[in-house]
Amino acid sequence: MAKKAVATFAGDRNARKFVKCIRMERSGKTGAYFFKEDLVPAEEAKDYFKK
């Protein structure tokens, strides 16, 4: 399961819109699951989840 929360930075007129992507991954060593959070540009959000 993945979550996507919208975050905008309004300090600049040309500010890019970013989204906070949270992806659940599995550790190769222990087999336990953990959550990985990243801020990525809105256009690249779909590519982030395809990895």
PDB file of N, CA and C in Angstrom:
ATOM      1  N   MET A   1       0.849  -1.175   0.000  1.00  0.00           N
ATOM      2  CA  MET A   1       0.000   0.000   0.000  1.00  0.00           C
ATOM      3  C   MET A   1       0.890   1.231   0.000  1.00  0.00           C
ATOM      4  N   ALA A   2       0.443   2.270  -0.669  1.00  0.00           N
ATOM      5  CA  ALA A   2       1.213   3.504  -0.730  1.00  0.00           C
ATOM      6  C   ALA A   2       0.291   4.684  -0.485  1.00  0.00           C
ATOM      7  N   LYS A   3       0.849   5.698   0.143  1.00  0.00           N
ATOM      8  CA  LYS A   3       0.089   6.908   0.414  1.00  0.00           C
ATOM      9  C   LYS A   3       0.739   8.059  -0.326  1.00  0.00           C
ATOM     10  N   LYS A   4      -0.053   9.048  -0.695  1.00  0.00           N
ATOM     11  CA  LYS A   4       0.486  10.225  -1.352  1.00  0.00           C
ATOM     12  C   LYS A   4      -0.173  11.444  -0.732  1.00  0.00           C
ATOM     13  N   ALA A   5       0.604  12.313  -0.096  1.00  0.00           N
ATOM     14  CA  ALA A   5       0.086  13.535   0.506  1.00  0.00           C
ATOM     15  C   ALA A   5       0.638  14.712  -0.274  1.00  0.00           C
ATOM     16  N   VAL A   6      -0.194  15.683  -0.597  1.00  0.00           N
ATOM     17  CA  VAL A   6       0.219  16.814  -1.416  1.00  0.00           C
ATOM     18  C   VAL A   6       0.854  17.877  -0.530  1.00  0.00           C
ATOM     19  N   ALA A   7       2.032  18.357  -0.940  1.00  0.00           N
ATOM     20  CA  ALA A   7       2.718  19.429  -0.223  1.00  0.00           C
ATOM     21  C   ALA A   7       3.137  20.480  -1.236  1.00  0.00           C
ATOM     22  N   THR A   8       2.813  21.725  -0.989  1.00  0.00           N
ATOM     23  CA  THR A   8       3.226  22.807  -1.887  1.00  0.00           C
ATOM     24  C   THR A   8       4.105  23.772  -1.118  1.00  0.00           C
ATOM     25  N   PHE A   9       5.067  24.350  -1.800  1.00  0.00           N
ATOM     26  CA  PHE A   9       5.965  25.330  -1.213  1.00  0.00           C
ATOM     27  C   PHE A   9       5.691  26.650  -1.926  1.00  0.00           C
ATOM     28  N   ALA A  10       5.000  27.568  -1.250  1.00  0.00           N
ATOM     29  CA  ALA A  10       4.506  28.789  -1.885  1.00  0.00           C
ATOM     30  C   ALA A  10       5.435  29.971  -1.691  1.00  0.00           C
ATOM     31  N   GLY A  11       6.695  29.776  -1.423  1.00  0.00           N
ATOM     32  CA  GLY A  11       7.612  30.881  -1.208  1.00  0.00           C
ATOM     33  C   GLY A  11       8.053  31.539  -2.504  1.00  0.00           C
ATOM     34  N   ASP A  12       7.927  30.874  -3.615  1.00  0.00           N
ATOM     35  CA  ASP A  12       8.437  31.359  -4.896  1.00  0.00           C
ATOM     36  C   ASP A  12       7.353  31.207  -5.949  1.00  0.00           C
ATOM     37  N   ARG A  13       7.315  32.155  -6.881  1.00  0.00           N
ATOM     38  CA  ARG A  13       6.309  32.059  -7.959  1.00  0.00           C
ATOM     39  C   ARG A  13       6.543  30.832  -8.826  1.00  0.00           C
ATOM     40  N   ASN A  14       7.802  30.500  -9.034  1.00  0.00           N
ATOM     41  CA  ASN A  14       8.142  29.355  -9.886  1.00  0.00           C
ATOM     42  C   ASN A  14       8.353  28.085  -9.071  1.00  0.00           C
ATOM     43  N   ALA A  15       7.802  28.058  -7.878  1.00  0.00           N
ATOM     44  CA  ALA A  15       7.984  26.873  -7.025  1.00  0.00           C
ATOM     45  C   ALA A  15       7.319  25.664  -7.664  1.00  0.00           C
ATOM     46  N   ARG A  16       8.022  24.554  -7.616  1.00  0.00           N
ATOM     47  CA  ARG A  16       7.468  23.320  -8.171  1.00  0.00           C
ATOM     48  C   ARG A  16       6.590  22.678  -7.122  1.00  0.00           C
ATOM     49  N   LYS A  17       5.594  21.984  -7.580  1.00  0.00           N
ATOM     50  CA  LYS A  17       4.737  21.260  -6.655  1.00  0.00           C
ATOM     51  C   LYS A  17       5.362  19.909  -6.366  1.00  0.00           C
ATOM     52  N   PHE A  18       5.455  19.605  -5.101  1.00  0.00           N
ATOM     53  CA  PHE A  18       6.021  18.349  -4.658  1.00  0.00           C
ATOM     54  C   PHE A  18       4.956  17.542  -3.951  1.00  0.00           C
ATOM     55  N   VAL A  19       5.110  16.240  -3.981  1.00  0.00           N
ATOM     56  CA  VAL A  19       4.225  15.351  -3.242  1.00  0.00           C
ATOM     57  C   VAL A  19       5.088  14.491  -2.325  1.00  0.00           C
ATOM     58  N   LYS A  20       4.548  14.179  -1.178  1.00  0.00           N
ATOM     59  CA  LYS A  20       5.241  13.310  -0.237  1.00  0.00           C
ATOM     60  C   LYS A  20       4.753  11.894  -0.490  1.00  0.00           C
ATOM     61  N   CYS A  21       5.640  11.038  -0.938  1.00  0.00           N
ATOM     62  CA  CYS A  21       5.290   9.665  -1.264  1.00  0.00           C
ATOM     63  C   CYS A  21       5.792   8.748  -0.164  1.00  0.00           C
ATOM     64  N   ILE A  22       4.926   7.875   0.295  1.00  0.00           N
ATOM     65  CA  ILE A  22       5.266   6.910   1.330  1.00  0.00           C
ATOM     66  C   ILE A  22       5.073   5.523   0.740  1.00  0.00           C
ATOM     67  N   ARG A  23       6.164   4.749   0.714  1.00  0.00           N
ATOM     68  CA  ARG A  23       6.128   3.431   0.103  1.00  0.00           C
ATOM     69  C   ARG A  23       6.598   2.392   1.124  1.00  0.00           C
ATOM     70  N   MET A  24       5.922   1.273   1.165  1.00  0.00           N
ATOM     71  CA  MET A  24       6.311   0.199   2.065  1.00  0.00           C
ATOM     72  C   MET A  24       7.267  -0.734   1.329  1.00  0.00           C
ATOM     73  N   GLU A  25       8.417  -0.991   1.934  1.00  0.00           N
ATOM     74  CA  GLU A  25       9.419  -1.858   1.333  1.00  0.00           C
ATOM     75  C   GLU A  25       9.775  -2.967   2.305  1.00  0.00           C
ATOM     76  N   ARG A  26      10.374  -4.005   1.785  1.00  0.00           N
ATOM     77  CA  ARG A  26      10.775  -5.136   2.607  1.00  0.00           C
ATOM     78  C   ARG A  26      12.301  -5.193   2.685  1.00  0.00           C
ATOM     79  N   SER A  27      12.808  -5.367   3.883  1.00  0.00           N
ATOM     80  CA  SER A  27      14.240  -5.443   4.106  1.00  0.00           C
ATOM     81  C   SER A  27      14.778  -6.756   3.559  1.00  0.00           C
ATOM     82  N   GLY A  28      15.911  -6.697   2.882  1.00  0.00           N
ATOM     83  CA  GLY A  28      16.516  -7.904   2.344  1.00  0.00           C
ATOM     84  C   GLY A  28      17.174  -8.769   3.406  1.00  0.00           C
ATOM     85  N   LYS A  29      17.647  -8.138   4.486  1.00  0.00           N
ATOM     86  CA  LYS A  29      18.339  -8.882   5.537  1.00  0.00           C
ATOM     87  C   LYS A  29      17.370  -9.598   6.468  1.00  0.00           C
ATOM     88  N   THR A  30      16.408  -8.843   7.023  1.00  0.00           N
ATOM     89  CA  THR A  30      15.541  -9.416   8.057  1.00  0.00           C
ATOM     90  C   THR A  30      14.183  -9.848   7.538  1.00  0.00           C
ATOM     91  N   GLY A  31      13.774  -9.330   6.411  1.00  0.00           N
ATOM     92  CA  GLY A  31      12.455  -9.651   5.882  1.00  0.00           C
ATOM     93  C   GLY A  31      11.352  -8.792   6.477  1.00  0.00           C
ATOM     94  N   ALA A  32      11.717  -7.858   7.355  1.00  0.00           N
ATOM     95  CA  ALA A  32      10.731  -6.975   7.980  1.00  0.00           C
ATOM     96  C   ALA A  32      10.354  -5.856   7.006  1.00  0.00           C
ATOM     97  N   TYR A  33       9.164  -5.346   7.156  1.00  0.00           N
ATOM     98  CA  TYR A  33       8.706  -4.234   6.332  1.00  0.00           C
ATOM     99  C   TYR A  33       9.039  -2.915   7.006  1.00  0.00           C
ATOM    100  N   PHE A  34       9.330  -1.894   6.186  1.00  0.00           N
ATOM    101  CA  PHE A  34       9.548  -0.545   6.692  1.00  0.00           C
ATOM    102  C   PHE A  34       8.983   0.443   5.682  1.00  0.00           C
ATOM    103  N   PHE A  35       8.776   1.670   6.121  1.00  0.00           N
ATOM    104  CA  PHE A  35       8.199   2.704   5.266  1.00  0.00           C
ATOM    105  C   PHE A  35       9.287   3.656   4.824  1.00  0.00           C
ATOM    106  N   LYS A  36       9.291   3.975   3.537  1.00  0.00           N
ATOM    107  CA  LYS A  36      10.254   4.914   2.971  1.00  0.00           C
ATOM    108  C   LYS A  36       9.483   6.144   2.511  1.00  0.00           C
ATOM    109  N   GLU A  37       9.882   7.321   2.994  1.00  0.00           N
ATOM    110  CA  GLU A  37       9.203   8.574   2.660  1.00  0.00           C
ATOM    111  C   GLU A  37      10.145   9.449   1.846  1.00  0.00           C
ATOM    112  N   ASP A  38       9.636  10.035   0.774  1.00  0.00           N
ATOM    113  CA  ASP A  38      10.410  10.935  -0.068  1.00  0.00           C
ATOM    114  C   ASP A  38       9.523  12.051  -0.583  1.00  0.00           C
ATOM    115  N   LEU A  39      10.113  13.231  -0.793  1.00  0.00           N
ATOM    116  CA  LEU A  39       9.435  14.332  -1.478  1.00  0.00           C
ATOM    117  C   LEU A  39       9.911  14.311  -2.923  1.00  0.00           C
ATOM    118  N   VAL A  40       8.987  14.126  -3.846  1.00  0.00           N
ATOM    119  CA  VAL A  40       9.327  14.058  -5.259  1.00  0.00           C
ATOM    120  C   VAL A  40       8.450  15.052  -6.018  1.00  0.00           C
ATOM    121  N   PRO A  41       8.907  15.545  -7.161  1.00  0.00           N
ATOM    122  CA  PRO A  41       8.071  16.421  -7.975  1.00  0.00           C
ATOM    123  C   PRO A  41       6.797  15.697  -8.393  1.00  0.00           C
ATOM    124  N   ALA A  42       5.706  16.427  -8.509  1.00  0.00           N
ATOM    125  CA  ALA A  42       4.399  15.835  -8.793  1.00  0.00           C
ATOM    126  C   ALA A  42       4.399  15.038 -10.092  1.00  0.00           C
ATOM    127  N   GLU A  43       5.188  15.472 -11.074  1.00  0.00           N
ATOM    128  CA  GLU A  43       5.218  14.779 -12.360  1.00  0.00           C
ATOM    129  C   GLU A  43       5.884  13.409 -12.259  1.00  0.00           C
ATOM    130  N   GLU A  44       6.757  13.217 -11.268  1.00  0.00           N
ATOM    131  CA  GLU A  44       7.513  11.978 -11.159  1.00  0.00           C
ATOM    132  C   GLU A  44       6.939  11.016 -10.126  1.00  0.00           C
ATOM    133  N   ALA A  45       5.765  11.306  -9.581  1.00  0.00           N
ATOM    134  CA  ALA A  45       5.192  10.478  -8.515  1.00  0.00           C
ATOM    135  C   ALA A  45       4.853   9.077  -9.018  1.00  0.00           C
ATOM    136  N   LYS A  46       4.293   8.956 -10.204  1.00  0.00           N
ATOM    137  CA  LYS A  46       3.940   7.637 -10.724  1.00  0.00           C
ATOM    138  C   LYS A  46       5.182   6.796 -10.975  1.00  0.00           C
ATOM    139  N   ASP A  47       6.268   7.428 -11.454  1.00  0.00           N
ATOM    140  CA  ASP A  47       7.493   6.698 -11.697  1.00  0.00           C
ATOM    141  C   ASP A  47       8.121   6.216 -10.391  1.00  0.00           C
ATOM    142  N   TYR A  48       7.927   6.983  -9.314  1.00  0.00           N
ATOM    143  CA  TYR A  48       8.464   6.599  -8.001  1.00  0.00           C
ATOM    144  C   TYR A  48       7.861   5.289  -7.524  1.00  0.00           C
ATOM    145  N   PHE A  49       6.567   5.107  -7.743  1.00  0.00           N
ATOM    146  CA  PHE A  49       5.900   3.896  -7.279  1.00  0.00           C
ATOM    147  C   PHE A  49       6.132   2.701  -8.211  1.00  0.00           C
ATOM    148  N   LYS A  50       6.583   2.928  -9.432  1.00  0.00           N
ATOM    149  CA  LYS A  50       6.864   1.832 -10.354  1.00  0.00           C
ATOM    150  C   LYS A  50       8.166   1.127 -10.036  1.00  0.00           C
ATOM    151  N   LYS A  51       9.051   1.766  -9.261  1.00  0.00           N
ATOM    152  CA  LYS A  51      10.349   1.176  -8.912  1.00  0.00           C
ATOM    153  C   LYS A  51      10.180  -0.112  -8.159  1.00  0.00           C
TER     154      LYS A  51
END
